[in-house]
Amino acid sequence: KLQAEVFLTGYTKQYQRLDEIPTTLRHHLAFAVRNNTRAVIDTTDSEAPTMVGADRTEQAMLRFLTPLLAQTIPLEIVETIPFNSTRKFSATQVIEEQKTSTLIKGAPEVILANCTHIMDADGHKIPLTDKKALEVEMSTLSKRAMRLLAVAITETPIHDADLPQELTLLGIFCLRD
């Protein structure tokens, strides 16, 4: 069974468990993953939510985020770009309480190329200054037979199924069978 073993932040800190991730970052991450999936998630049993329509990778990420999957605030989905092997990312543009966000997940090399910022531990958007250090950490994790999947957000709307520019990296899921 595929599972998330490590969550790597944009500031290169690694976390093995959800409750270790700083609260604000954790909530942004859960929001971004929960609302950029085609899965139907039933959180009636909050300990073991049911996920229909999620592939193995999404299931692993969603299981990691289990305590935070319940959707509390209504949200409008404006546009989606489904994942495909050519694009290597999926995106969902949402409106929550008058605020538009585009939620993105996909191959780290694709996502990272458009990241200009990272989210720090306190949920602040700060410039991504050391992409090299992040790439070194990712390389180390890949060599441990992990599949990597980046999660990012932006306020830029979706346009023509292109990956938006100026993304803010929330972090990278490191998954292993």
N, C-alpha and C. Protein backbone atom coordinates (compact mmCIF):
# COMPACT_ATOMS: atom_id res chain seq x y z
N LYS A 1 0.86 -1.19 0.00
CA LYS A 1 0.00 0.00 0.00
C LYS A 1 0.90 1.24 0.00
N LEU A 2 0.64 2.13 -0.92
CA LEU A 2 1.42 3.38 -1.03
C LEU A 2 1.10 4.27 0.16
N GLN A 3 2.13 4.84 0.78
CA GLN A 3 1.87 5.77 1.89
C GLN A 3 2.86 6.93 1.90
N ALA A 4 2.39 8.03 2.47
CA ALA A 4 3.25 9.21 2.61
C ALA A 4 4.17 8.96 3.79
N GLU A 5 5.47 8.97 3.53
CA GLU A 5 6.44 8.73 4.61
C GLU A 5 7.04 10.02 5.14
N VAL A 6 7.21 10.99 4.24
CA VAL A 6 7.84 12.24 4.62
C VAL A 6 7.12 13.38 3.92
N PHE A 7 6.98 14.50 4.62
CA PHE A 7 6.52 15.73 3.98
C PHE A 7 7.69 16.70 4.09
N LEU A 8 8.18 17.16 2.94
CA LEU A 8 9.32 18.07 2.86
C LEU A 8 8.79 19.48 2.57
N THR A 9 9.12 20.43 3.45
CA THR A 9 8.64 21.79 3.24
C THR A 9 9.55 22.53 2.26
N GLY A 10 9.11 23.68 1.82
CA GLY A 10 9.91 24.53 0.94
C GLY A 10 11.17 25.05 1.62
N TYR A 11 11.17 25.05 2.95
CA TYR A 11 12.36 25.48 3.70
C TYR A 11 13.17 24.26 4.15
N THR A 12 13.02 23.15 3.44
CA THR A 12 13.77 21.89 3.56
C THR A 12 13.67 21.16 4.91
N LYS A 13 12.63 21.41 5.65
CA LYS A 13 12.41 20.64 6.88
C LYS A 13 11.55 19.44 6.55
N GLN A 14 11.91 18.29 7.13
CA GLN A 14 11.16 17.06 6.87
C GLN A 14 10.30 16.69 8.09
N TYR A 15 9.07 16.27 7.80
CA TYR A 15 8.15 15.82 8.84
C TYR A 15 7.64 14.43 8.48
N GLN A 16 7.60 13.54 9.47
CA GLN A 16 7.09 12.18 9.24
C GLN A 16 5.61 12.07 9.57
N ARG A 17 5.10 12.99 10.40
CA ARG A 17 3.71 12.90 10.82
C ARG A 17 3.01 14.25 10.65
N LEU A 18 1.73 14.18 10.38
CA LEU A 18 0.92 15.39 10.17
C LEU A 18 0.99 16.33 11.36
N ASP A 19 0.87 15.80 12.56
CA ASP A 19 0.83 16.68 13.74
C ASP A 19 2.16 17.36 14.05
N GLU A 20 3.24 16.97 13.34
CA GLU A 20 4.53 17.64 13.51
C GLU A 20 4.62 18.91 12.64
N ILE A 21 3.84 18.93 11.57
CA ILE A 21 3.87 20.08 10.64
C ILE A 21 3.24 21.28 11.35
N PRO A 22 3.89 22.45 11.29
CA PRO A 22 3.30 23.64 11.93
C PRO A 22 1.84 23.85 11.50
N THR A 23 1.02 24.23 12.46
CA THR A 23 -0.44 24.29 12.30
C THR A 23 -0.91 25.04 11.05
N THR A 24 -0.45 26.26 10.83
CA THR A 24 -0.95 27.05 9.70
C THR A 24 -0.57 26.39 8.38
N LEU A 25 0.67 25.96 8.26
CA LEU A 25 1.12 25.26 7.05
C LEU A 25 0.31 23.99 6.84
N ARG A 26 0.08 23.25 7.91
CA ARG A 26 -0.69 22.00 7.86
C ARG A 26 -2.10 22.26 7.31
N HIS A 27 -2.73 23.32 7.77
CA HIS A 27 -4.09 23.62 7.32
C HIS A 27 -4.13 24.07 5.85
N HIS A 28 -3.15 24.85 5.42
CA HIS A 28 -3.06 25.23 4.00
C HIS A 28 -2.85 23.98 3.13
N LEU A 29 -1.99 23.10 3.59
CA LEU A 29 -1.70 21.86 2.86
C LEU A 29 -2.96 21.00 2.73
N ALA A 30 -3.66 20.80 3.82
CA ALA A 30 -4.88 19.98 3.80
C ALA A 30 -5.92 20.60 2.85
N PHE A 31 -6.06 21.92 2.91
CA PHE A 31 -7.00 22.62 2.04
C PHE A 31 -6.64 22.40 0.56
N ALA A 32 -5.35 22.54 0.25
CA ALA A 32 -4.89 22.42 -1.13
C ALA A 32 -5.07 21.00 -1.69
N VAL A 33 -4.79 20.00 -0.87
CA VAL A 33 -4.91 18.62 -1.35
C VAL A 33 -6.38 18.20 -1.38
N ARG A 34 -7.12 18.53 -0.34
CA ARG A 34 -8.53 18.14 -0.22
C ARG A 34 -9.38 18.71 -1.36
N ASN A 35 -9.04 19.90 -1.81
CA ASN A 35 -9.87 20.55 -2.82
C ASN A 35 -9.30 20.48 -4.23
N ASN A 36 -8.21 19.75 -4.41
CA ASN A 36 -7.66 19.51 -5.74
C ASN A 36 -7.59 18.00 -5.95
N THR A 37 -8.74 17.37 -5.85
CA THR A 37 -8.87 15.94 -6.08
C THR A 37 -10.21 15.68 -6.74
N ARG A 38 -10.26 14.63 -7.54
CA ARG A 38 -11.53 14.24 -8.13
C ARG A 38 -12.26 13.27 -7.21
N ALA A 39 -11.61 12.89 -6.13
CA ALA A 39 -12.19 11.92 -5.21
C ALA A 39 -13.38 12.53 -4.47
N VAL A 40 -14.34 11.67 -4.18
CA VAL A 40 -15.44 12.03 -3.31
C VAL A 40 -15.05 11.48 -1.94
N ILE A 41 -14.99 12.35 -0.96
CA ILE A 41 -14.51 11.96 0.36
C ILE A 41 -15.65 12.05 1.36
N ASP A 42 -15.93 10.93 2.01
CA ASP A 42 -16.96 10.87 3.04
C ASP A 42 -16.26 10.84 4.39
N THR A 43 -16.43 11.91 5.18
CA THR A 43 -15.74 12.00 6.47
C THR A 43 -16.69 11.69 7.63
N THR A 44 -17.77 10.95 7.35
CA THR A 44 -18.71 10.58 8.42
C THR A 44 -17.96 9.88 9.55
N ASP A 45 -17.08 8.93 9.17
CA ASP A 45 -16.17 8.30 10.13
C ASP A 45 -14.86 9.06 10.02
N SER A 46 -14.64 10.02 10.93
CA SER A 46 -13.47 10.90 10.81
C SER A 46 -12.14 10.16 10.97
N GLU A 47 -12.16 8.99 11.61
CA GLU A 47 -10.94 8.20 11.79
C GLU A 47 -10.56 7.45 10.51
N ALA A 48 -11.58 7.06 9.74
CA ALA A 48 -11.34 6.29 8.51
C ALA A 48 -12.27 6.77 7.41
N PRO A 49 -11.97 7.94 6.83
CA PRO A 49 -12.83 8.46 5.76
C PRO A 49 -12.82 7.54 4.54
N THR A 50 -13.93 7.55 3.81
CA THR A 50 -14.03 6.77 2.59
C THR A 50 -13.68 7.68 1.41
N MET A 51 -12.86 7.15 0.49
CA MET A 51 -12.46 7.93 -0.68
C MET A 51 -12.83 7.15 -1.93
N VAL A 52 -13.69 7.74 -2.72
CA VAL A 52 -14.09 7.09 -3.97
C VAL A 52 -13.55 7.92 -5.13
N GLY A 53 -12.87 7.27 -6.05
CA GLY A 53 -12.38 7.95 -7.24
C GLY A 53 -10.97 8.50 -7.10
N ALA A 54 -10.29 8.18 -6.00
CA ALA A 54 -8.91 8.64 -5.83
C ALA A 54 -7.96 7.53 -6.27
N ASP A 55 -6.91 7.92 -7.00
CA ASP A 55 -5.90 6.91 -7.34
C ASP A 55 -5.03 6.64 -6.12
N ARG A 56 -4.10 5.70 -6.22
CA ARG A 56 -3.26 5.31 -5.08
C ARG A 56 -2.48 6.49 -4.50
N THR A 57 -1.99 7.36 -5.37
CA THR A 57 -1.19 8.50 -4.93
C THR A 57 -2.04 9.47 -4.12
N GLU A 58 -3.22 9.81 -4.65
CA GLU A 58 -4.12 10.71 -3.92
C GLU A 58 -4.56 10.10 -2.61
N GLN A 59 -4.86 8.79 -2.63
CA GLN A 59 -5.28 8.12 -1.40
C GLN A 59 -4.19 8.22 -0.33
N ALA A 60 -2.94 8.04 -0.72
CA ALA A 60 -1.84 8.11 0.24
C ALA A 60 -1.74 9.51 0.85
N MET A 61 -1.86 10.54 0.02
CA MET A 61 -1.80 11.92 0.54
C MET A 61 -3.01 12.21 1.43
N LEU A 62 -4.18 11.80 0.99
CA LEU A 62 -5.40 12.05 1.77
C LEU A 62 -5.37 11.30 3.10
N ARG A 63 -4.85 10.06 3.09
CA ARG A 63 -4.74 9.31 4.36
C ARG A 63 -3.81 10.03 5.34
N PHE A 64 -2.71 10.60 4.83
CA PHE A 64 -1.76 11.35 5.66
C PHE A 64 -2.48 12.53 6.33
N LEU A 65 -3.43 13.12 5.61
CA LEU A 65 -4.14 14.31 6.08
C LEU A 65 -5.47 14.01 6.76
N THR A 66 -5.75 12.73 7.04
CA THR A 66 -7.05 12.28 7.54
C THR A 66 -7.73 13.20 8.56
N PRO A 67 -7.06 13.60 9.65
CA PRO A 67 -7.79 14.41 10.65
C PRO A 67 -8.30 15.76 10.11
N LEU A 68 -7.77 16.20 8.96
CA LEU A 68 -8.13 17.53 8.44
C LEU A 68 -8.98 17.49 7.18
N LEU A 69 -9.55 16.33 6.86
CA LEU A 69 -10.26 16.21 5.59
C LEU A 69 -11.67 16.79 5.58
N ALA A 70 -12.30 16.93 6.73
CA ALA A 70 -13.67 17.44 6.75
C ALA A 70 -13.69 18.87 6.21
N GLN A 71 -14.61 19.12 5.30
CA GLN A 71 -14.74 20.45 4.68
C GLN A 71 -15.71 21.26 5.52
N THR A 72 -15.26 22.38 6.05
CA THR A 72 -16.13 23.15 6.93
C THR A 72 -16.73 24.38 6.24
N ILE A 73 -15.96 24.99 5.36
CA ILE A 73 -16.42 26.21 4.70
C ILE A 73 -16.84 25.87 3.28
N PRO A 74 -18.05 26.32 2.86
CA PRO A 74 -18.47 26.03 1.49
C PRO A 74 -17.55 26.72 0.49
N LEU A 75 -17.36 26.06 -0.64
CA LEU A 75 -16.44 26.60 -1.60
C LEU A 75 -16.94 26.32 -3.01
N GLU A 76 -16.64 27.24 -3.89
CA GLU A 76 -17.08 27.11 -5.28
C GLU A 76 -15.88 26.71 -6.14
N ILE A 77 -16.05 25.66 -6.92
CA ILE A 77 -15.00 25.25 -7.85
C ILE A 77 -15.27 25.96 -9.17
N VAL A 78 -14.29 26.76 -9.61
CA VAL A 78 -14.44 27.58 -10.80
C VAL A 78 -13.97 26.83 -12.04
N GLU A 79 -12.83 26.16 -11.93
CA GLU A 79 -12.18 25.54 -13.08
C GLU A 79 -11.27 24.43 -12.59
N THR A 80 -11.12 23.37 -13.39
CA THR A 80 -10.16 22.32 -13.04
C THR A 80 -9.34 21.93 -14.26
N ILE A 81 -8.12 21.52 -14.00
CA ILE A 81 -7.27 20.91 -15.02
C ILE A 81 -6.93 19.53 -14.48
N PRO A 82 -7.49 18.48 -15.07
CA PRO A 82 -7.19 17.14 -14.56
C PRO A 82 -5.74 16.75 -14.85
N PHE A 83 -5.20 15.89 -14.01
CA PHE A 83 -3.84 15.42 -14.20
C PHE A 83 -3.77 14.62 -15.49
N ASN A 84 -2.69 14.78 -16.24
CA ASN A 84 -2.38 13.84 -17.31
C ASN A 84 -0.86 13.70 -17.40
N SER A 85 -0.41 12.64 -18.05
CA SER A 85 1.03 12.34 -18.05
C SER A 85 1.85 13.31 -18.89
N THR A 86 1.22 14.08 -19.77
CA THR A 86 1.94 15.08 -20.55
C THR A 86 2.18 16.33 -19.71
N ARG A 87 1.10 16.82 -19.09
CA ARG A 87 1.20 18.03 -18.26
C ARG A 87 1.96 17.78 -16.96
N LYS A 88 1.69 16.64 -16.34
CA LYS A 88 2.29 16.23 -15.06
C LYS A 88 1.85 17.08 -13.87
N PHE A 89 0.65 17.65 -13.96
CA PHE A 89 0.09 18.35 -12.80
C PHE A 89 -1.42 18.40 -12.93
N SER A 90 -2.08 18.65 -11.81
CA SER A 90 -3.51 18.94 -11.82
C SER A 90 -3.69 20.25 -11.08
N ALA A 91 -4.75 20.96 -11.41
CA ALA A 91 -5.02 22.25 -10.76
C ALA A 91 -6.52 22.44 -10.61
N THR A 92 -6.90 23.10 -9.55
CA THR A 92 -8.30 23.43 -9.31
C THR A 92 -8.35 24.87 -8.81
N GLN A 93 -9.15 25.68 -9.49
CA GLN A 93 -9.36 27.06 -9.07
C GLN A 93 -10.63 27.10 -8.24
N VAL A 94 -10.53 27.66 -7.02
CA VAL A 94 -11.66 27.70 -6.11
C VAL A 94 -11.89 29.11 -5.60
N ILE A 95 -13.12 29.35 -5.17
CA ILE A 95 -13.44 30.61 -4.48
C ILE A 95 -13.97 30.22 -3.11
N GLU A 96 -13.31 30.74 -2.08
CA GLU A 96 -13.72 30.49 -0.70
C GLU A 96 -13.85 31.85 -0.02
N GLU A 97 -15.06 32.17 0.42
CA GLU A 97 -15.32 33.46 1.06
C GLU A 97 -14.73 34.62 0.27
N GLN A 98 -15.07 34.74 -0.97
CA GLN A 98 -14.64 35.84 -1.87
C GLN A 98 -13.17 35.79 -2.27
N LYS A 99 -12.40 34.80 -1.81
CA LYS A 99 -10.98 34.72 -2.14
C LYS A 99 -10.75 33.62 -3.17
N THR A 100 -10.12 33.98 -4.29
CA THR A 100 -9.82 33.01 -5.33
C THR A 100 -8.43 32.43 -5.13
N SER A 101 -8.34 31.11 -5.21
CA SER A 101 -7.05 30.41 -5.11
C SER A 101 -7.00 29.34 -6.18
N THR A 102 -5.81 29.06 -6.67
CA THR A 102 -5.61 27.92 -7.55
C THR A 102 -4.69 26.95 -6.81
N LEU A 103 -5.17 25.73 -6.69
CA LEU A 103 -4.49 24.68 -5.93
C LEU A 103 -3.85 23.73 -6.93
N ILE A 104 -2.57 23.41 -6.74
CA ILE A 104 -1.83 22.65 -7.73
C ILE A 104 -1.08 21.51 -7.07
N LYS A 105 -1.08 20.36 -7.75
CA LYS A 105 -0.19 19.28 -7.31
C LYS A 105 0.34 18.58 -8.55
N GLY A 106 1.57 18.07 -8.43
CA GLY A 106 2.15 17.39 -9.57
C GLY A 106 3.61 17.09 -9.40
N ALA A 107 4.24 16.76 -10.51
CA ALA A 107 5.65 16.40 -10.52
C ALA A 107 6.48 17.58 -10.01
N PRO A 108 7.35 17.34 -9.03
CA PRO A 108 8.12 18.44 -8.45
C PRO A 108 8.95 19.23 -9.46
N GLU A 109 9.51 18.56 -10.46
CA GLU A 109 10.34 19.29 -11.43
C GLU A 109 9.50 20.28 -12.24
N VAL A 110 8.24 19.95 -12.47
CA VAL A 110 7.33 20.84 -13.21
C VAL A 110 6.85 21.98 -12.30
N ILE A 111 6.40 21.63 -11.11
CA ILE A 111 5.86 22.62 -10.18
C ILE A 111 6.97 23.58 -9.72
N LEU A 112 8.10 23.02 -9.32
CA LEU A 112 9.20 23.84 -8.81
C LEU A 112 9.71 24.86 -9.82
N ALA A 113 9.64 24.51 -11.09
CA ALA A 113 10.10 25.44 -12.15
C ALA A 113 9.31 26.75 -12.10
N ASN A 114 8.05 26.71 -11.62
CA ASN A 114 7.21 27.91 -11.57
C ASN A 114 7.07 28.48 -10.16
N CYS A 115 7.77 27.91 -9.19
CA CYS A 115 7.68 28.41 -7.81
C CYS A 115 8.62 29.60 -7.61
N THR A 116 8.04 30.70 -7.16
CA THR A 116 8.83 31.89 -6.83
C THR A 116 8.86 32.09 -5.32
N HIS A 117 7.93 31.42 -4.61
CA HIS A 117 7.80 31.59 -3.17
C HIS A 117 7.59 30.23 -2.50
N ILE A 118 7.77 30.24 -1.19
CA ILE A 118 7.41 29.08 -0.37
C ILE A 118 6.54 29.60 0.76
N MET A 119 5.84 28.68 1.42
CA MET A 119 5.10 29.06 2.61
C MET A 119 5.95 28.65 3.80
N ASP A 120 6.19 29.60 4.70
CA ASP A 120 6.99 29.28 5.88
C ASP A 120 6.12 28.61 6.94
N ALA A 121 6.73 28.27 8.06
CA ALA A 121 6.04 27.54 9.14
C ALA A 121 4.83 28.30 9.67
N ASP A 122 4.85 29.63 9.57
CA ASP A 122 3.74 30.44 10.09
C ASP A 122 2.69 30.77 9.03
N GLY A 123 2.84 30.18 7.84
CA GLY A 123 1.86 30.42 6.78
C GLY A 123 2.12 31.67 5.98
N HIS A 124 3.30 32.27 6.12
CA HIS A 124 3.63 33.47 5.34
C HIS A 124 4.27 33.06 4.02
N LYS A 125 3.94 33.81 2.99
CA LYS A 125 4.53 33.61 1.66
C LYS A 125 5.85 34.36 1.63
N ILE A 126 6.95 33.61 1.47
CA ILE A 126 8.27 34.25 1.44
C ILE A 126 8.99 33.82 0.15
N PRO A 127 9.91 34.65 -0.34
CA PRO A 127 10.61 34.30 -1.58
C PRO A 127 11.37 32.97 -1.46
N LEU A 128 11.33 32.20 -2.53
CA LEU A 128 12.11 30.96 -2.62
C LEU A 128 13.51 31.37 -3.04
N THR A 129 14.44 31.32 -2.10
CA THR A 129 15.79 31.81 -2.37
C THR A 129 16.80 30.69 -2.62
N ASP A 130 16.52 29.49 -2.11
CA ASP A 130 17.50 28.41 -2.24
C ASP A 130 16.88 27.16 -2.86
N LYS A 131 16.58 27.25 -4.16
CA LYS A 131 15.99 26.12 -4.88
C LYS A 131 16.96 24.94 -4.90
N LYS A 132 18.25 25.25 -4.94
CA LYS A 132 19.28 24.19 -5.01
C LYS A 132 19.20 23.29 -3.77
N ALA A 133 19.10 23.87 -2.58
CA ALA A 133 19.02 23.08 -1.35
C ALA A 133 17.80 22.16 -1.37
N LEU A 134 16.71 22.68 -1.89
CA LEU A 134 15.48 21.90 -2.00
C LEU A 134 15.67 20.74 -2.97
N GLU A 135 16.31 21.01 -4.10
CA GLU A 135 16.57 19.97 -5.10
C GLU A 135 17.49 18.89 -4.55
N VAL A 136 18.47 19.27 -3.72
CA VAL A 136 19.37 18.29 -3.09
C VAL A 136 18.57 17.37 -2.16
N GLU A 137 17.71 17.96 -1.33
CA GLU A 137 16.87 17.16 -0.43
C GLU A 137 15.96 16.21 -1.22
N MET A 138 15.36 16.73 -2.30
CA MET A 138 14.48 15.91 -3.14
C MET A 138 15.26 14.75 -3.75
N SER A 139 16.45 15.02 -4.21
CA SER A 139 17.28 13.99 -4.81
C SER A 139 17.61 12.90 -3.80
N THR A 140 17.95 13.29 -2.58
CA THR A 140 18.24 12.34 -1.52
C THR A 140 17.03 11.44 -1.24
N LEU A 141 15.85 12.04 -1.18
CA LEU A 141 14.62 11.28 -0.92
C LEU A 141 14.28 10.36 -2.09
N SER A 142 14.50 10.82 -3.32
CA SER A 142 14.25 9.98 -4.51
C SER A 142 15.14 8.75 -4.49
N LYS A 143 16.39 8.94 -4.05
CA LYS A 143 17.34 7.82 -4.01
C LYS A 143 16.93 6.78 -2.97
N ARG A 144 16.05 7.15 -2.06
CA ARG A 144 15.51 6.20 -1.08
C ARG A 144 14.24 5.55 -1.60
N ALA A 145 14.10 5.52 -2.93
CA ALA A 145 12.97 4.88 -3.61
C ALA A 145 11.62 5.51 -3.26
N MET A 146 11.62 6.83 -3.10
CA MET A 146 10.36 7.53 -2.83
C MET A 146 9.87 8.25 -4.08
N ARG A 147 8.56 8.26 -4.24
CA ARG A 147 7.93 9.06 -5.30
C ARG A 147 7.60 10.41 -4.70
N LEU A 148 7.93 11.46 -5.43
CA LEU A 148 7.72 12.81 -4.92
C LEU A 148 6.56 13.49 -5.64
N LEU A 149 5.77 14.23 -4.88
CA LEU A 149 4.65 14.97 -5.45
C LEU A 149 4.56 16.32 -4.76
N ALA A 150 4.69 17.40 -5.54
CA ALA A 150 4.69 18.76 -4.99
C ALA A 150 3.27 19.30 -4.89
N VAL A 151 3.06 20.15 -3.89
CA VAL A 151 1.77 20.83 -3.69
C VAL A 151 2.07 22.32 -3.59
N ALA A 152 1.34 23.11 -4.40
CA ALA A 152 1.55 24.56 -4.43
C ALA A 152 0.21 25.28 -4.56
N ILE A 153 0.24 26.58 -4.29
CA ILE A 153 -0.95 27.42 -4.44
C ILE A 153 -0.56 28.73 -5.12
N THR A 154 -1.55 29.40 -5.66
CA THR A 154 -1.36 30.72 -6.24
C THR A 154 -2.70 31.43 -6.26
N GLU A 155 -2.67 32.74 -6.39
CA GLU A 155 -3.91 33.50 -6.56
C GLU A 155 -4.22 33.70 -8.04
N THR A 156 -3.30 33.27 -8.91
CA THR A 156 -3.48 33.41 -10.35
C THR A 156 -4.55 32.42 -10.84
N PRO A 157 -5.54 32.90 -11.59
CA PRO A 157 -6.56 32.00 -12.11
C PRO A 157 -5.98 31.04 -13.17
N ILE A 158 -6.70 29.97 -13.40
CA ILE A 158 -6.32 29.02 -14.45
C ILE A 158 -6.58 29.67 -15.80
N HIS A 159 -5.64 29.48 -16.72
CA HIS A 159 -5.79 30.03 -18.06
C HIS A 159 -5.30 29.00 -19.08
N ASP A 160 -6.19 28.56 -19.97
CA ASP A 160 -5.81 27.65 -21.07
C ASP A 160 -5.07 26.38 -20.65
N ALA A 161 -5.39 25.82 -19.50
CA ALA A 161 -4.76 24.58 -19.03
C ALA A 161 -3.24 24.68 -18.89
N ASP A 162 -2.74 25.92 -18.74
CA ASP A 162 -1.31 26.12 -18.50
C ASP A 162 -1.07 26.19 -16.99
N LEU A 163 0.11 25.76 -16.60
CA LEU A 163 0.50 25.88 -15.20
C LEU A 163 0.74 27.36 -14.90
N PRO A 164 0.05 27.91 -13.89
CA PRO A 164 0.27 29.32 -13.57
C PRO A 164 1.72 29.60 -13.18
N GLN A 165 2.13 30.84 -13.38
CA GLN A 165 3.45 31.29 -12.95
C GLN A 165 3.35 31.72 -11.49
N GLU A 166 4.48 32.02 -10.89
CA GLU A 166 4.54 32.57 -9.54
C GLU A 166 3.77 31.75 -8.51
N LEU A 167 4.12 30.47 -8.43
CA LEU A 167 3.50 29.57 -7.46
C LEU A 167 4.18 29.71 -6.09
N THR A 168 3.41 29.39 -5.05
CA THR A 168 3.95 29.30 -3.70
C THR A 168 3.95 27.83 -3.31
N LEU A 169 5.13 27.29 -3.08
CA LEU A 169 5.27 25.88 -2.73
C LEU A 169 4.87 25.66 -1.28
N LEU A 170 3.94 24.72 -1.05
CA LEU A 170 3.59 24.34 0.32
C LEU A 170 4.55 23.24 0.77
N GLY A 171 4.89 22.35 -0.16
CA GLY A 171 5.82 21.28 0.18
C GLY A 171 5.70 20.11 -0.77
N ILE A 172 6.41 19.05 -0.41
CA ILE A 172 6.51 17.88 -1.28
C ILE A 172 6.21 16.62 -0.46
N PHE A 173 5.25 15.86 -0.95
CA PHE A 173 4.96 14.56 -0.35
C PHE A 173 5.96 13.56 -0.89
N CYS A 174 6.50 12.73 -0.01
CA CYS A 174 7.42 11.67 -0.38
C CYS A 174 6.72 10.36 -0.05
N LEU A 175 6.39 9.62 -1.10
CA LEU A 175 5.55 8.43 -0.97
C LEU A 175 6.35 7.17 -1.27
N ARG A 176 5.97 6.07 -0.56
CA ARG A 176 6.65 4.80 -0.81
C ARG A 176 5.67 3.65 -0.60
N ASP A 177 5.87 2.61 -1.40
CA ASP A 177 5.06 1.38 -1.25
C ASP A 177 5.51 0.62 -0.01
